[in-house]
C-alpha atoms as a PDB file:
ATOM      1  CA  MET A   1     -36.245  76.740  -7.127  1.00  0.00           C
ATOM      2  CA  LEU A   2     -34.256  78.925  -9.472  1.00  0.00           C
ATOM      3  CA  VAL A   3     -37.188  81.252 -10.064  1.00  0.00           C
ATOM      4  CA  ILE A   4     -37.235  81.348  -5.866  1.00  0.00           C
ATOM      5  CA  GLU A   5     -33.337  81.660  -5.748  1.00  0.00           C
ATOM      6  CA  GLU A   6     -33.914  84.640  -8.489  1.00  0.00           C
ATOM      7  CA  LYS A   7     -36.429  86.308  -6.354  1.00  0.00           C
ATOM      8  CA  VAL A   8     -34.368  86.185  -3.561  1.00  0.00           C
ATOM      9  CA  LEU A   9     -31.546  87.663  -5.172  1.00  0.00           C
ATOM     10  CA  ARG A  10     -33.571  90.557  -6.433  1.00  0.00           C
ATOM     11  CA  ASP A  11     -35.135  91.076  -3.196  1.00  0.00           C
ATOM     12  CA  LEU A  12     -31.453  91.216  -1.623  1.00  0.00           C
ATOM     13  CA  GLU A  13     -30.306  93.888  -4.141  1.00  0.00           C
ATOM     14  CA  ILE A  14     -33.370  96.130  -3.502  1.00  0.00           C
ATOM     15  CA  PHE A  15     -32.556  95.556   0.414  1.00  0.00           C
ATOM     16  CA  GLU A  16     -29.123  96.463  -0.049  1.00  0.00           C
ATOM     17  CA  LYS A  17     -29.753  99.422  -2.258  1.00  0.00           C
ATOM     18  CA  CYS A  18     -32.244 100.819   0.374  1.00  0.00           C
ATOM     19  CA  VAL A  19     -29.726 100.262   2.935  1.00  0.00           C
ATOM     20  CA  ALA A  20     -26.956 102.422   0.752  1.00  0.00           C
ATOM     21  CA  ASP A  21     -29.837 104.798   0.488  1.00  0.00           C
ATOM     22  CA  ARG A  22     -30.530 105.424   4.066  1.00  0.00           C
ATOM     23  CA  ASP A  23     -26.631 105.334   4.922  1.00  0.00           C
ATOM     24  CA  HIS A  24     -26.220 107.968   2.270  1.00  0.00           C
ATOM     25  CA  ASP A  25     -29.282 110.449   3.726  1.00  0.00           C
ATOM     26  CA  LYS A  26     -27.738 109.664   7.633  1.00  0.00           C
ATOM     27  CA  LYS A  27     -24.099 110.948   6.335  1.00  0.00           C
ATOM     28  CA  LYS A  28     -25.924 114.029   4.464  1.00  0.00           C
ATOM     29  CA  VAL A  29     -27.888 114.834   7.724  1.00  0.00           C
ATOM     30  CA  VAL A  30     -24.820 114.355   9.980  1.00  0.00           C
ATOM     31  CA  ALA A  31     -22.891 116.609   7.615  1.00  0.00           C
ATOM     32  CA  GLU A  32     -25.116 119.358   8.004  1.00  0.00           C
ATOM     33  CA  VAL A  33     -25.549 119.110  11.585  1.00  0.00           C
ATOM     34  CA  GLN A  34     -21.643 119.288  11.851  1.00  0.00           C
ATOM     35  CA  SER A  35     -21.693 122.186   9.776  1.00  0.00           C
ATOM     36  CA  LEU A  36     -24.304 124.134  11.744  1.00  0.00           C
ATOM     37  CA  LEU A  37     -22.068 123.244  14.686  1.00  0.00           C
ATOM     38  CA  ASP A  38     -19.092 124.498  13.035  1.00  0.00           C
ATOM     39  CA  LYS A  39     -20.923 127.802  12.338  1.00  0.00           C
ATOM     40  CA  ALA A  40     -22.252 128.214  15.776  1.00  0.00           C
ATOM     41  CA  THR A  41     -18.907 127.482  16.881  1.00  0.00           C
ATOM     42  CA  ALA A  42     -16.994 130.157  15.054  1.00  0.00           C
ATOM     43  CA  MET A  43     -19.750 132.655  15.682  1.00  0.00           C
ATOM     44  CA  SER A  44     -19.619 132.214  19.381  1.00  0.00           C
ATOM     45  CA  LYS A  45     -15.952 132.790  19.088  1.00  0.00           C
ATOM     46  CA  LYS A  46     -16.229 135.675  17.278  1.00  0.00           C
ATOM     47  CA  LYS A  47     -18.971 137.100  19.686  1.00  0.00           C
ATOM     48  CA  ASP A  48     -16.722 136.397  22.531  1.00  0.00           C
ATOM     49  CA  SER A  49     -13.795 138.235  20.968  1.00  0.00           C
ATOM     50  CA  GLU A  50     -15.992 141.155  19.927  1.00  0.00           C
ATOM     51  CA  ILE A  51     -17.284 141.454  23.643  1.00  0.00           C
ATOM     52  CA  ALA A  52     -13.677 141.401  25.090  1.00  0.00           C
ATOM     53  CA  HIS A  53     -12.559 144.023  22.872  1.00  0.00           C
ATOM     54  CA  LEU A  54     -15.925 146.130  23.686  1.00  0.00           C
ATOM     55  CA  HIS A  55     -15.562 145.421  27.220  1.00  0.00           C
ATOM     56  CA  LYS A  56     -11.724 146.575  27.290  1.00  0.00           C
ATOM     57  CA  GLU A  57     -12.583 149.619  25.222  1.00  0.00           C
ATOM     58  CA  LEU A  58     -15.714 150.728  27.711  1.00  0.00           C
ATOM     59  CA  VAL A  59     -13.533 149.564  30.696  1.00  0.00           C
ATOM     60  CA  ASP A  60     -10.647 151.774  29.217  1.00  0.00           C
ATOM     61  CA  ASP A  61     -12.584 154.634  27.957  1.00  0.00           C
ATOM     62  CA  HIS A  62     -15.850 154.590  30.406  1.00  0.00           C
ATOM     63  CA  SER A  63     -14.364 153.892  34.037  1.00  0.00           C
ATOM     64  CA  ASP A  64     -17.566 155.497  35.205  1.00  0.00           C
ATOM     65  CA  ILE A  65     -20.005 152.384  34.046  1.00  0.00           C
ATOM     66  CA  ASN A  66     -21.068 150.117  36.485  1.00  0.00           C
ATOM     67  CA  SER A  67     -19.606 146.791  35.728  1.00  0.00           C
ATOM     68  CA  ASP A  68     -22.478 144.596  37.269  1.00  0.00           C
ATOM     69  CA  GLU A  69     -24.784 146.536  34.750  1.00  0.00           C
ATOM     70  CA  PHE A  70     -22.567 146.111  31.981  1.00  0.00           C
ATOM     71  CA  HIS A  71     -22.355 142.283  32.499  1.00  0.00           C
ATOM     72  CA  ARG A  72     -26.002 142.342  33.004  1.00  0.00           C
ATOM     73  CA  TYR A  73     -26.403 144.100  29.631  1.00  0.00           C
ATOM     74  CA  LEU A  74     -24.147 141.534  27.791  1.00  0.00           C
ATOM     75  CA  ARG A  75     -25.944 138.535  29.296  1.00  0.00           C
ATOM     76  CA  LYS A  76     -29.137 139.955  27.962  1.00  0.00           C
ATOM     77  CA  HIS A  77     -27.891 140.602  24.322  1.00  0.00           C
ATOM     78  CA  ARG A  78     -26.088 137.259  24.284  1.00  0.00           C
ATOM     79  CA  ALA A  79     -29.455 135.237  25.376  1.00  0.00           C
ATOM     80  CA  ALA A  80     -31.211 137.661  22.259  1.00  0.00           C
ATOM     81  CA  ASP A  81     -28.644 136.417  19.751  1.00  0.00           C
ATOM     82  CA  LEU A  82     -28.607 132.662  20.875  1.00  0.00           C
ATOM     83  CA  ALA A  83     -32.477 132.964  20.657  1.00  0.00           C
ATOM     84  CA  ALA A  84     -32.416 134.704  17.112  1.00  0.00           C
ATOM     85  CA  GLN A  85     -29.866 131.867  16.119  1.00  0.00           C
ATOM     86  CA  LYS A  86     -32.137 129.152  17.166  1.00  0.00           C
ATOM     87  CA  ALA A  87     -35.165 130.361  15.423  1.00  0.00           C
ATOM     88  CA  LYS A  88     -32.874 130.808  12.198  1.00  0.00           C
ATOM     89  CA  VAL A  89     -31.814 126.893  12.632  1.00  0.00           C
ATOM     90  CA  ILE A  90     -35.529 126.098  12.958  1.00  0.00           C
ATOM     91  CA  ASP A  91     -36.840 128.486   9.960  1.00  0.00           C
ATOM     92  CA  HIS A  92     -34.056 127.464   7.654  1.00  0.00           C
ATOM     93  CA  GLY A  93     -35.369 123.677   8.207  1.00  0.00           C
ATOM     94  CA  GLY A  94     -32.674 122.406  10.640  1.00  0.00           C
ATOM     95  CA  MET A  95     -32.875 119.459  12.585  1.00  0.00           C
ATOM     96  CA  GLY A  96     -36.451 120.472  13.793  1.00  0.00           C
ATOM     97  CA  SER A  97     -37.752 119.499  10.304  1.00  0.00           C
ATOM     98  CA  GLN A  98     -36.470 116.032  10.423  1.00  0.00           C
ATOM     99  CA  PRO A  99     -38.790 113.232  11.150  1.00  0.00           C
ATOM    100  CA  ASN A 100     -38.835 111.681  14.482  1.00  0.00           C
ATOM    101  CA  GLY A 101     -36.079 109.012  14.810  1.00  0.00           C
ATOM    102  CA  SER A 102     -34.885 109.896  11.473  1.00  0.00           C
ATOM    103  CA  LEU A 103     -30.989 109.543  12.612  1.00  0.00           C
ATOM    104  CA  ASP A 104     -31.769 106.312  14.421  1.00  0.00           C
ATOM    105  CA  ASN A 105     -33.257 104.466  11.665  1.00  0.00           C
END
């Protein structure tokens, strides 16, 4: 009976270590994702500020520019920036490299 209890205790210790390792891995992934979100938010705010500044300069200095064409230009470049950012995240092994369901386990 003592041998069985020792085996159960060893198995319990192994299980607890596995759970702790998985918890650590989840926290690490969550921290990485949060870091990426923080960087994306900061970049978005910076881009919005740059766009507002450029818009003011183009409106002040170039009143002959068609506003609708300018906004189409900004949307096009904003979409290109977002696509480039998504490609960068995927290329750097962002969430796309995690196995399916890795955050759920």
